[in-house]
Amino acid sequence: MPVLSETAFKATKGGCLVSLRVQPGASRNAVVGMYGDAVKIALQAPPVDGKANQLLCRLFAEWSGLPKSAVELRSGQTGRSKVLELSGITAEQLKAILER
């Protein structure tokens, strides 16, 4: 059960932004903990043809109970540092879900 810092989460109108550091090609999909001011996420998908980005958005939709259309990759399409925008959930709710 990782403890996450509030610095990775930002409230927006109708949702929140979360700063992420992604580790593609991992042995499992999981929230690892913090990496600086970002939440570190391990993904099984390789960083090829957007597969890791697709898995990241799908996992956040699953974990938060939101439709896939409510999860959008705002920045970091080709790097490990990413920002996701989630609509219909507060930063506090998302933080609590990821800490489980």
PDB file of N, CA and C in Angstrom:
ATOM      1  N   MET A   1       0.849  -1.176   0.000  1.00  0.00           N
ATOM      2  CA  MET A   1       0.000   0.000   0.000  1.00  0.00           C
ATOM      3  C   MET A   1       0.897   1.243   0.000  1.00  0.00           C
ATOM      4  N   PRO A   2       1.079   1.869  -1.167  1.00  0.00           N
ATOM      5  CA  PRO A   2       1.946   3.041  -1.236  1.00  0.00           C
ATOM      6  C   PRO A   2       1.307   4.275  -0.605  1.00  0.00           C
ATOM      7  N   VAL A   3       2.143   5.116  -0.028  1.00  0.00           N
ATOM      8  CA  VAL A   3       1.683   6.403   0.487  1.00  0.00           C
ATOM      9  C   VAL A   3       2.054   7.441  -0.562  1.00  0.00           C
ATOM     10  N   LEU A   4       1.059   8.174  -1.036  1.00  0.00           N
ATOM     11  CA  LEU A   4       1.268   9.117  -2.124  1.00  0.00           C
ATOM     12  C   LEU A   4       1.185  10.553  -1.628  1.00  0.00           C
ATOM     13  N   SER A   5       2.008  11.408  -2.201  1.00  0.00           N
ATOM     14  CA  SER A   5       2.037  12.821  -1.835  1.00  0.00           C
ATOM     15  C   SER A   5       0.970  13.589  -2.603  1.00  0.00           C
ATOM     16  N   GLU A   6       0.382  14.562  -1.943  1.00  0.00           N
ATOM     17  CA  GLU A   6      -0.639  15.396  -2.584  1.00  0.00           C
ATOM     18  C   GLU A   6      -0.060  16.257  -3.702  1.00  0.00           C
ATOM     19  N   THR A   7       1.267  16.394  -3.754  1.00  0.00           N
ATOM     20  CA  THR A   7       1.885  17.229  -4.787  1.00  0.00           C
ATOM     21  C   THR A   7       1.687  16.663  -6.191  1.00  0.00           C
ATOM     22  N   ALA A   8       1.380  15.380  -6.311  1.00  0.00           N
ATOM     23  CA  ALA A   8       1.181  14.750  -7.620  1.00  0.00           C
ATOM     24  C   ALA A   8      -0.221  14.995  -8.175  1.00  0.00           C
ATOM     25  N   PHE A   9      -1.126  15.501  -7.349  1.00  0.00           N
ATOM     26  CA  PHE A   9      -2.532  15.653  -7.732  1.00  0.00           C
ATOM     27  C   PHE A   9      -2.919  17.128  -7.760  1.00  0.00           C
ATOM     28  N   LYS A  10      -3.705  17.504  -8.769  1.00  0.00           N
ATOM     29  CA  LYS A  10      -4.166  18.888  -8.870  1.00  0.00           C
ATOM     30  C   LYS A  10      -5.636  18.885  -9.264  1.00  0.00           C
ATOM     31  N   ALA A  11      -6.439  19.625  -8.519  1.00  0.00           N
ATOM     32  CA  ALA A  11      -7.871  19.723  -8.823  1.00  0.00           C
ATOM     33  C   ALA A  11      -8.081  20.592 -10.056  1.00  0.00           C
ATOM     34  N   THR A  12      -9.028  20.197 -10.886  1.00  0.00           N
ATOM     35  CA  THR A  12      -9.434  20.987 -12.045  1.00  0.00           C
ATOM     36  C   THR A  12     -10.949  21.121 -12.003  1.00  0.00           C
ATOM     37  N   LYS A  13     -11.477  21.947 -12.877  1.00  0.00           N
ATOM     38  CA  LYS A  13     -12.929  22.084 -12.953  1.00  0.00           C
ATOM     39  C   LYS A  13     -13.502  20.774 -13.506  1.00  0.00           C
ATOM     40  N   GLY A  14     -14.223  20.057 -12.676  1.00  0.00           N
ATOM     41  CA  GLY A  14     -14.846  18.811 -13.110  1.00  0.00           C
ATOM     42  C   GLY A  14     -13.980  17.580 -12.999  1.00  0.00           C
ATOM     43  N   GLY A  15     -12.805  17.694 -12.385  1.00  0.00           N
ATOM     44  CA  GLY A  15     -11.951  16.514 -12.280  1.00  0.00           C
ATOM     45  C   GLY A  15     -10.625  16.814 -11.628  1.00  0.00           C
ATOM     46  N   CYS A  16      -9.580  16.134 -12.118  1.00  0.00           N
ATOM     47  CA  CYS A  16      -8.253  16.347 -11.549  1.00  0.00           C
ATOM     48  C   CYS A  16      -7.174  15.958 -12.550  1.00  0.00           C
ATOM     49  N   LEU A  17      -5.972  16.446 -12.283  1.00  0.00           N
ATOM     50  CA  LEU A  17      -4.774  16.076 -13.023  1.00  0.00           C
ATOM     51  C   LEU A  17      -3.888  15.278 -12.084  1.00  0.00           C
ATOM     52  N   VAL A  18      -3.180  14.294 -12.626  1.00  0.00           N
ATOM     53  CA  VAL A  18      -2.226  13.541 -11.822  1.00  0.00           C
ATOM     54  C   VAL A  18      -0.924  13.430 -12.614  1.00  0.00           C
ATOM     55  N   SER A  19       0.186  13.761 -11.940  1.00  0.00           N
ATOM     56  CA  SER A  19       1.512  13.643 -12.545  1.00  0.00           C
ATOM     57  C   SER A  19       2.024  12.232 -12.311  1.00  0.00           C
ATOM     58  N   LEU A  20       2.554  11.622 -13.368  1.00  0.00           N
ATOM     59  CA  LEU A  20       2.972  10.226 -13.299  1.00  0.00           C
ATOM     60  C   LEU A  20       4.387  10.042 -13.819  1.00  0.00           C
ATOM     61  N   ARG A  21       5.045   9.025 -13.317  1.00  0.00           N
ATOM     62  CA  ARG A  21       6.313   8.530 -13.859  1.00  0.00           C
ATOM     63  C   ARG A  21       6.047   7.064 -14.172  1.00  0.00           C
ATOM     64  N   VAL A  22       6.141   6.693 -15.445  1.00  0.00           N
ATOM     65  CA  VAL A  22       5.751   5.364 -15.898  1.00  0.00           C
ATOM     66  C   VAL A  22       6.976   4.488 -16.126  1.00  0.00           C
ATOM     67  N   GLN A  23       6.867   3.233 -15.707  1.00  0.00           N
ATOM     68  CA  GLN A  23       7.905   2.228 -15.928  1.00  0.00           C
ATOM     69  C   GLN A  23       7.308   1.138 -16.826  1.00  0.00           C
ATOM     70  N   PRO A  24       7.447   1.272 -18.152  1.00  0.00           N
ATOM     71  CA  PRO A  24       6.881   0.263 -19.053  1.00  0.00           C
ATOM     72  C   PRO A  24       7.714  -1.015 -19.038  1.00  0.00           C
ATOM     73  N   GLY A  25       7.109  -2.111 -19.473  1.00  0.00           N
ATOM     74  CA  GLY A  25       7.811  -3.386 -19.537  1.00  0.00           C
ATOM     75  C   GLY A  25       8.043  -4.022 -18.183  1.00  0.00           C
ATOM     76  N   ALA A  26       7.259  -3.654 -17.192  1.00  0.00           N
ATOM     77  CA  ALA A  26       7.406  -4.206 -15.838  1.00  0.00           C
ATOM     78  C   ALA A  26       6.761  -5.590 -15.763  1.00  0.00           C
ATOM     79  N   SER A  27       6.997  -6.287 -14.673  1.00  0.00           N
ATOM     80  CA  SER A  27       6.441  -7.632 -14.512  1.00  0.00           C
ATOM     81  C   SER A  27       4.971  -7.612 -14.109  1.00  0.00           C
ATOM     82  N   ARG A  28       4.486  -6.456 -13.619  1.00  0.00           N
ATOM     83  CA  ARG A  28       3.078  -6.359 -13.212  1.00  0.00           C
ATOM     84  C   ARG A  28       2.614  -4.918 -13.371  1.00  0.00           C
ATOM     85  N   ASN A  29       1.296  -4.743 -13.406  1.00  0.00           N
ATOM     86  CA  ASN A  29       0.704  -3.405 -13.430  1.00  0.00           C
ATOM     87  C   ASN A  29       0.428  -3.001 -11.991  1.00  0.00           C
ATOM     88  N   ALA A  30       1.020  -1.898 -11.545  1.00  0.00           N
ATOM     89  CA  ALA A  30       0.836  -1.512 -10.148  1.00  0.00           C
ATOM     90  C   ALA A  30       1.235  -0.065  -9.903  1.00  0.00           C
ATOM     91  N   VAL A  31       0.679   0.486  -8.827  1.00  0.00           N
ATOM     92  CA  VAL A  31       1.131   1.770  -8.300  1.00  0.00           C
ATOM     93  C   VAL A  31       2.321   1.443  -7.408  1.00  0.00           C
ATOM     94  N   VAL A  32       3.486   1.985  -7.732  1.00  0.00           N
ATOM     95  CA  VAL A  32       4.715   1.643  -7.022  1.00  0.00           C
ATOM     96  C   VAL A  32       4.945   2.559  -5.827  1.00  0.00           C
ATOM     97  N   GLY A  33       4.658   3.842  -5.989  1.00  0.00           N
ATOM     98  CA  GLY A  33       4.910   4.820  -4.931  1.00  0.00           C
ATOM     99  C   GLY A  33       5.142   6.179  -5.557  1.00  0.00           C
ATOM    100  N   MET A  34       6.039   6.948  -4.972  1.00  0.00           N
ATOM    101  CA  MET A  34       6.336   8.286  -5.479  1.00  0.00           C
ATOM    102  C   MET A  34       7.697   8.292  -6.174  1.00  0.00           C
ATOM    103  N   TYR A  35       7.821   9.143  -7.173  1.00  0.00           N
ATOM    104  CA  TYR A  35       9.076   9.405  -7.870  1.00  0.00           C
ATOM    105  C   TYR A  35       9.167  10.920  -7.961  1.00  0.00           C
ATOM    106  N   GLY A  36       9.831  11.537  -7.017  1.00  0.00           N
ATOM    107  CA  GLY A  36       9.833  12.997  -6.933  1.00  0.00           C
ATOM    108  C   GLY A  36       8.435  13.479  -6.603  1.00  0.00           C
ATOM    109  N   ASP A  37       7.881  14.339  -7.452  1.00  0.00           N
ATOM    110  CA  ASP A  37       6.521  14.848  -7.261  1.00  0.00           C
ATOM    111  C   ASP A  37       5.508  14.121  -8.137  1.00  0.00           C
ATOM    112  N   ALA A  38       5.838  12.922  -8.585  1.00  0.00           N
ATOM    113  CA  ALA A  38       4.946  12.161  -9.460  1.00  0.00           C
ATOM    114  C   ALA A  38       4.672  10.779  -8.869  1.00  0.00           C
ATOM    115  N   VAL A  39       3.513  10.233  -9.202  1.00  0.00           N
ATOM    116  CA  VAL A  39       3.166   8.872  -8.797  1.00  0.00           C
ATOM    117  C   VAL A  39       3.837   7.922  -9.780  1.00  0.00           C
ATOM    118  N   LYS A  40       4.579   6.944  -9.262  1.00  0.00           N
ATOM    119  CA  LYS A  40       5.260   5.977 -10.125  1.00  0.00           C
ATOM    120  C   LYS A  40       4.332   4.798 -10.386  1.00  0.00           C
ATOM    121  N   ILE A  41       4.153   4.475 -11.674  1.00  0.00           N
ATOM    122  CA  ILE A  41       3.267   3.405 -12.111  1.00  0.00           C
ATOM    123  C   ILE A  41       4.080   2.400 -12.923  1.00  0.00           C
ATOM    124  N   ALA A  42       3.995   1.116 -12.562  1.00  0.00           N
ATOM    125  CA  ALA A  42       4.615   0.044 -13.335  1.00  0.00           C
ATOM    126  C   ALA A  42       3.576  -0.509 -14.301  1.00  0.00           C
ATOM    127  N   LEU A  43       3.977  -0.671 -15.564  1.00  0.00           N
ATOM    128  CA  LEU A  43       3.076  -1.180 -16.601  1.00  0.00           C
ATOM    129  C   LEU A  43       3.722  -2.371 -17.304  1.00  0.00           C
ATOM    130  N   GLN A  44       2.941  -3.403 -17.554  1.00  0.00           N
ATOM    131  CA  GLN A  44       3.453  -4.571 -18.260  1.00  0.00           C
ATOM    132  C   GLN A  44       3.664  -4.298 -19.744  1.00  0.00           C
ATOM    133  N   ALA A  45       2.911  -3.401 -20.319  1.00  0.00           N
ATOM    134  CA  ALA A  45       2.986  -3.133 -21.755  1.00  0.00           C
ATOM    135  C   ALA A  45       4.322  -2.491 -22.122  1.00  0.00           C
ATOM    136  N   PRO A  46       4.843  -2.835 -23.302  1.00  0.00           N
ATOM    137  CA  PRO A  46       6.086  -2.208 -23.756  1.00  0.00           C
ATOM    138  C   PRO A  46       5.815  -0.790 -24.269  1.00  0.00           C
ATOM    139  N   PRO A  47       6.858   0.050 -24.295  1.00  0.00           N
ATOM    140  CA  PRO A  47       6.676   1.421 -24.786  1.00  0.00           C
ATOM    141  C   PRO A  47       6.745   1.480 -26.313  1.00  0.00           C
ATOM    142  N   VAL A  48       5.897   0.698 -26.974  1.00  0.00           N
ATOM    143  CA  VAL A  48       5.917   0.583 -28.431  1.00  0.00           C
ATOM    144  C   VAL A  48       4.525   0.879 -28.976  1.00  0.00           C
ATOM    145  N   ASP A  49       4.452   1.731 -29.983  1.00  0.00           N
ATOM    146  CA  ASP A  49       3.190   2.038 -30.668  1.00  0.00           C
ATOM    147  C   ASP A  49       2.081   2.491 -29.722  1.00  0.00           C
ATOM    148  N   GLY A  50       2.434   3.177 -28.648  1.00  0.00           N
ATOM    149  CA  GLY A  50       1.429   3.703 -27.725  1.00  0.00           C
ATOM    150  C   GLY A  50       0.762   2.666 -26.838  1.00  0.00           C
ATOM    151  N   LYS A  51       1.285   1.435 -26.806  1.00  0.00           N
ATOM    152  CA  LYS A  51       0.648   0.375 -26.012  1.00  0.00           C
ATOM    153  C   LYS A  51       0.669   0.689 -24.520  1.00  0.00           C
ATOM    154  N   ALA A  52       1.784   1.233 -24.032  1.00  0.00           N
ATOM    155  CA  ALA A  52       1.864   1.572 -22.609  1.00  0.00           C
ATOM    156  C   ALA A  52       0.890   2.703 -22.276  1.00  0.00           C
ATOM    157  N   ASN A  53       0.754   3.679 -23.159  1.00  0.00           N
ATOM    158  CA  ASN A  53      -0.188   4.781 -22.924  1.00  0.00           C
ATOM    159  C   ASN A  53      -1.625   4.278 -22.904  1.00  0.00           C
ATOM    160  N   GLN A  54      -1.963   3.377 -23.823  1.00  0.00           N
ATOM    161  CA  GLN A  54      -3.313   2.813 -23.857  1.00  0.00           C
ATOM    162  C   GLN A  54      -3.603   2.038 -22.577  1.00  0.00           C
ATOM    163  N   LEU A  55      -2.638   1.230 -22.137  1.00  0.00           N
ATOM    164  CA  LEU A  55      -2.817   0.464 -20.906  1.00  0.00           C
ATOM    165  C   LEU A  55      -2.954   1.403 -19.712  1.00  0.00           C
ATOM    166  N   LEU A  56      -2.148   2.449 -19.669  1.00  0.00           N
ATOM    167  CA  LEU A  56      -2.207   3.412 -18.570  1.00  0.00           C
ATOM    168  C   LEU A  56      -3.603   4.017 -18.451  1.00  0.00           C
ATOM    169  N   CYS A  57      -4.160   4.481 -19.551  1.00  0.00           N
ATOM    170  CA  CYS A  57      -5.501   5.082 -19.532  1.00  0.00           C
ATOM    171  C   CYS A  57      -6.554   4.047 -19.145  1.00  0.00           C
ATOM    172  N   ARG A  58      -6.431   2.828 -19.670  1.00  0.00           N
ATOM    173  CA  ARG A  58      -7.392   1.776 -19.337  1.00  0.00           C
ATOM    174  C   ARG A  58      -7.336   1.423 -17.845  1.00  0.00           C
ATOM    175  N   LEU A  59      -6.128   1.319 -17.292  1.00  0.00           N
ATOM    176  CA  LEU A  59      -5.987   0.996 -15.869  1.00  0.00           C
ATOM    177  C   LEU A  59      -6.577   2.090 -14.985  1.00  0.00           C
ATOM    178  N   PHE A  60      -6.318   3.342 -15.311  1.00  0.00           N
ATOM    179  CA  PHE A  60      -6.866   4.426 -14.496  1.00  0.00           C
ATOM    180  C   PHE A  60      -8.386   4.456 -14.576  1.00  0.00           C
ATOM    181  N   ALA A  61      -8.944   4.130 -15.732  1.00  0.00           N
ATOM    182  CA  ALA A  61     -10.403   4.043 -15.855  1.00  0.00           C
ATOM    183  C   ALA A  61     -10.931   2.910 -14.979  1.00  0.00           C
ATOM    184  N   GLU A  62     -10.275   1.751 -15.023  1.00  0.00           N
ATOM    185  CA  GLU A  62     -10.681   0.602 -14.188  1.00  0.00           C
ATOM    186  C   GLU A  62     -10.581   0.940 -12.707  1.00  0.00           C
ATOM    187  N   TRP A  63      -9.407   1.421 -12.298  1.00  0.00           N
ATOM    188  CA  TRP A  63      -9.156   1.697 -10.884  1.00  0.00           C
ATOM    189  C   TRP A  63     -10.123   2.731 -10.329  1.00  0.00           C
ATOM    190  N   SER A  64     -10.465   3.736 -11.131  1.00  0.00           N
ATOM    191  CA  SER A  64     -11.316   4.822 -10.641  1.00  0.00           C
ATOM    192  C   SER A  64     -12.803   4.573 -10.873  1.00  0.00           C
ATOM    193  N   GLY A  65     -13.136   3.554 -11.665  1.00  0.00           N
ATOM    194  CA  GLY A  65     -14.536   3.276 -11.967  1.00  0.00           C
ATOM    195  C   GLY A  65     -15.137   4.247 -12.971  1.00  0.00           C
ATOM    196  N   LEU A  66     -14.280   4.945 -13.698  1.00  0.00           N
ATOM    197  CA  LEU A  66     -14.729   5.911 -14.703  1.00  0.00           C
ATOM    198  C   LEU A  66     -14.714   5.265 -16.086  1.00  0.00           C
ATOM    199  N   PRO A  67     -15.499   5.800 -17.019  1.00  0.00           N
ATOM    200  CA  PRO A  67     -15.402   5.305 -18.397  1.00  0.00           C
ATOM    201  C   PRO A  67     -14.057   5.715 -19.000  1.00  0.00           C
ATOM    202  N   LYS A  68     -13.585   4.961 -19.980  1.00  0.00           N
ATOM    203  CA  LYS A  68     -12.304   5.275 -20.623  1.00  0.00           C
ATOM    204  C   LYS A  68     -12.299   6.681 -21.222  1.00  0.00           C
ATOM    205  N   SER A  69     -13.463   7.153 -21.629  1.00  0.00           N
ATOM    206  CA  SER A  69     -13.550   8.493 -22.220  1.00  0.00           C
ATOM    207  C   SER A  69     -13.291   9.599 -21.199  1.00  0.00           C
ATOM    208  N   ALA A  70     -13.328   9.273 -19.905  1.00  0.00           N
ATOM    209  CA  ALA A  70     -13.094  10.267 -18.855  1.00  0.00           C
ATOM    210  C   ALA A  70     -11.617  10.382 -18.482  1.00  0.00           C
ATOM    211  N   VAL A  71     -10.772   9.565 -19.114  1.00  0.00           N
ATOM    212  CA  VAL A  71      -9.336   9.567 -18.822  1.00  0.00           C
ATOM    213  C   VAL A  71      -8.592   9.991 -20.083  1.00  0.00           C
ATOM    214  N   GLU A  72      -7.809  11.066 -19.962  1.00  0.00           N
ATOM    215  CA  GLU A  72      -7.105  11.602 -21.132  1.00  0.00           C
ATOM    216  C   GLU A  72      -5.647  11.867 -20.790  1.00  0.00           C
ATOM    217  N   LEU A  73      -4.756  11.439 -21.673  1.00  0.00           N
ATOM    218  CA  LEU A  73      -3.337  11.722 -21.526  1.00  0.00           C
ATOM    219  C   LEU A  73      -3.093  13.149 -22.002  1.00  0.00           C
ATOM    220  N   ARG A  74      -2.772  14.045 -21.068  1.00  0.00           N
ATOM    221  CA  ARG A  74      -2.604  15.466 -21.398  1.00  0.00           C
ATOM    222  C   ARG A  74      -1.201  15.779 -21.905  1.00  0.00           C
ATOM    223  N   SER A  75      -0.181  15.108 -21.362  1.00  0.00           N
ATOM    224  CA  SER A  75       1.185  15.333 -21.832  1.00  0.00           C
ATOM    225  C   SER A  75       2.023  14.097 -21.560  1.00  0.00           C
ATOM    226  N   GLY A  76       3.132  13.985 -22.298  1.00  0.00           N
ATOM    227  CA  GLY A  76       4.040  12.869 -22.101  1.00  0.00           C
ATOM    228  C   GLY A  76       3.787  11.682 -23.006  1.00  0.00           C
ATOM    229  N   GLN A  77       3.277  11.924 -24.201  1.00  0.00           N
ATOM    230  CA  GLN A  77       2.959  10.826 -25.110  1.00  0.00           C
ATOM    231  C   GLN A  77       4.168   9.946 -25.418  1.00  0.00           C
ATOM    232  N   THR A  78       5.371  10.531 -25.452  1.00  0.00           N
ATOM    233  CA  THR A  78       6.547   9.746 -25.823  1.00  0.00           C
ATOM    234  C   THR A  78       7.584   9.618 -24.711  1.00  0.00           C
ATOM    235  N   GLY A  79       7.317  10.152 -23.539  1.00  0.00           N
ATOM    236  CA  GLY A  79       8.279  10.066 -22.446  1.00  0.00           C
ATOM    237  C   GLY A  79       7.734   9.283 -21.271  1.00  0.00           C
ATOM    238  N   ARG A  80       8.554   9.126 -20.263  1.00  0.00           N
ATOM    239  CA  ARG A  80       8.114   8.407 -19.060  1.00  0.00           C
ATOM    240  C   ARG A  80       7.341   9.299 -18.098  1.00  0.00           C
ATOM    241  N   SER A  81       7.577  10.599 -18.161  1.00  0.00           N
ATOM    242  CA  SER A  81       6.838  11.542 -17.320  1.00  0.00           C
ATOM    243  C   SER A  81       5.564  11.931 -18.053  1.00  0.00           C
ATOM    244  N   LYS A  82       4.422  11.753 -17.396  1.00  0.00           N
ATOM    245  CA  LYS A  82       3.129  11.963 -18.037  1.00  0.00           C
ATOM    246  C   LYS A  82       2.189  12.719 -17.104  1.00  0.00           C
ATOM    247  N   VAL A  83       1.174  13.336 -17.686  1.00  0.00           N
ATOM    248  CA  VAL A  83       0.099  13.958 -16.922  1.00  0.00           C
ATOM    249  C   VAL A  83      -1.211  13.427 -17.477  1.00  0.00           C
ATOM    250  N   LEU A  84      -2.022  12.832 -16.596  1.00  0.00           N
ATOM    251  CA  LEU A  84      -3.348  12.345 -16.967  1.00  0.00           C
ATOM    252  C   LEU A  84      -4.392  13.291 -16.415  1.00  0.00           C
ATOM    253  N   GLU A  85      -5.452  13.506 -17.187  1.00  0.00           N
ATOM    254  CA  GLU A  85      -6.604  14.262 -16.708  1.00  0.00           C
ATOM    255  C   GLU A  85      -7.771  13.299 -16.581  1.00  0.00           C
ATOM    256  N   LEU A  86      -8.399  13.297 -15.411  1.00  0.00           N
ATOM    257  CA  LEU A  86      -9.565  12.461 -15.165  1.00  0.00           C
ATOM    258  C   LEU A  86     -10.754  13.361 -14.881  1.00  0.00           C
ATOM    259  N   SER A  87     -11.852  13.118 -15.556  1.00  0.00           N
ATOM    260  CA  SER A  87     -13.080  13.894 -15.364  1.00  0.00           C
ATOM    261  C   SER A  87     -14.047  13.106 -14.497  1.00  0.00           C
ATOM    262  N   GLY A  88     -14.711  13.800 -13.574  1.00  0.00           N
ATOM    263  CA  GLY A  88     -15.726  13.158 -12.750  1.00  0.00           C
ATOM    264  C   GLY A  88     -15.214  12.556 -11.462  1.00  0.00           C
ATOM    265  N   ILE A  89     -14.003  12.922 -11.051  1.00  0.00           N
ATOM    266  CA  ILE A  89     -13.437  12.424  -9.797  1.00  0.00           C
ATOM    267  C   ILE A  89     -12.564  13.536  -9.209  1.00  0.00           C
ATOM    268  N   THR A  90     -12.567  13.661  -7.895  1.00  0.00           N
ATOM    269  CA  THR A  90     -11.735  14.682  -7.258  1.00  0.00           C
ATOM    270  C   THR A  90     -10.322  14.145  -7.046  1.00  0.00           C
ATOM    271  N   ALA A  91      -9.394  15.055  -6.835  1.00  0.00           N
ATOM    272  CA  ALA A  91      -8.013  14.667  -6.567  1.00  0.00           C
ATOM    273  C   ALA A  91      -7.930  13.813  -5.305  1.00  0.00           C
ATOM    274  N   GLU A  92      -8.712  14.160  -4.289  1.00  0.00           N
ATOM    275  CA  GLU A  92      -8.703  13.406  -3.031  1.00  0.00           C
ATOM    276  C   GLU A  92      -9.226  11.984  -3.235  1.00  0.00           C
ATOM    277  N   GLN A  93     -10.292  11.845  -4.026  1.00  0.00           N
ATOM    278  CA  GLN A  93     -10.847  10.514  -4.292  1.00  0.00           C
ATOM    279  C   GLN A  93      -9.844   9.651  -5.051  1.00  0.00           C
ATOM    280  N   LEU A  94      -9.203  10.224  -6.062  1.00  0.00           N
ATOM    281  CA  LEU A  94      -8.232   9.468  -6.848  1.00  0.00           C
ATOM    282  C   LEU A  94      -7.046   9.056  -5.988  1.00  0.00           C
ATOM    283  N   LYS A  95      -6.554   9.952  -5.161  1.00  0.00           N
ATOM    284  CA  LYS A  95      -5.431   9.634  -4.272  1.00  0.00           C
ATOM    285  C   LYS A  95      -5.791   8.467  -3.364  1.00  0.00           C
ATOM    286  N   ALA A  96      -6.985   8.486  -2.788  1.00  0.00           N
ATOM    287  CA  ALA A  96      -7.426   7.404  -1.898  1.00  0.00           C
ATOM    288  C   ALA A  96      -7.514   6.073  -2.646  1.00  0.00           C
ATOM    289  N   ILE A  97      -8.000   6.096  -3.878  1.00  0.00           N
ATOM    290  CA  ILE A  97      -8.107   4.870  -4.681  1.00  0.00           C
ATOM    291  C   ILE A  97      -6.724   4.297  -4.972  1.00  0.00           C
ATOM    292  N   LEU A  98      -5.784   5.145  -5.361  1.00  0.00           N
ATOM    293  CA  LEU A  98      -4.450   4.672  -5.719  1.00  0.00           C
ATOM    294  C   LEU A  98      -3.657   4.185  -4.514  1.00  0.00           C
ATOM    295  N   GLU A  99      -3.998   4.663  -3.327  1.00  0.00           N
ATOM    296  CA  GLU A  99      -3.285   4.232  -2.119  1.00  0.00           C
ATOM    297  C   GLU A  99      -3.761   2.873  -1.616  1.00  0.00           C
ATOM    298  N   ARG A 100      -4.842   2.339  -2.162  1.00  0.00           N
ATOM    299  CA  ARG A 100      -5.328   1.017  -1.733  1.00  0.00           C
ATOM    300  C   ARG A 100      -4.440  -0.089  -2.214  1.00  0.00           C
TER     301      ARG A 100
END
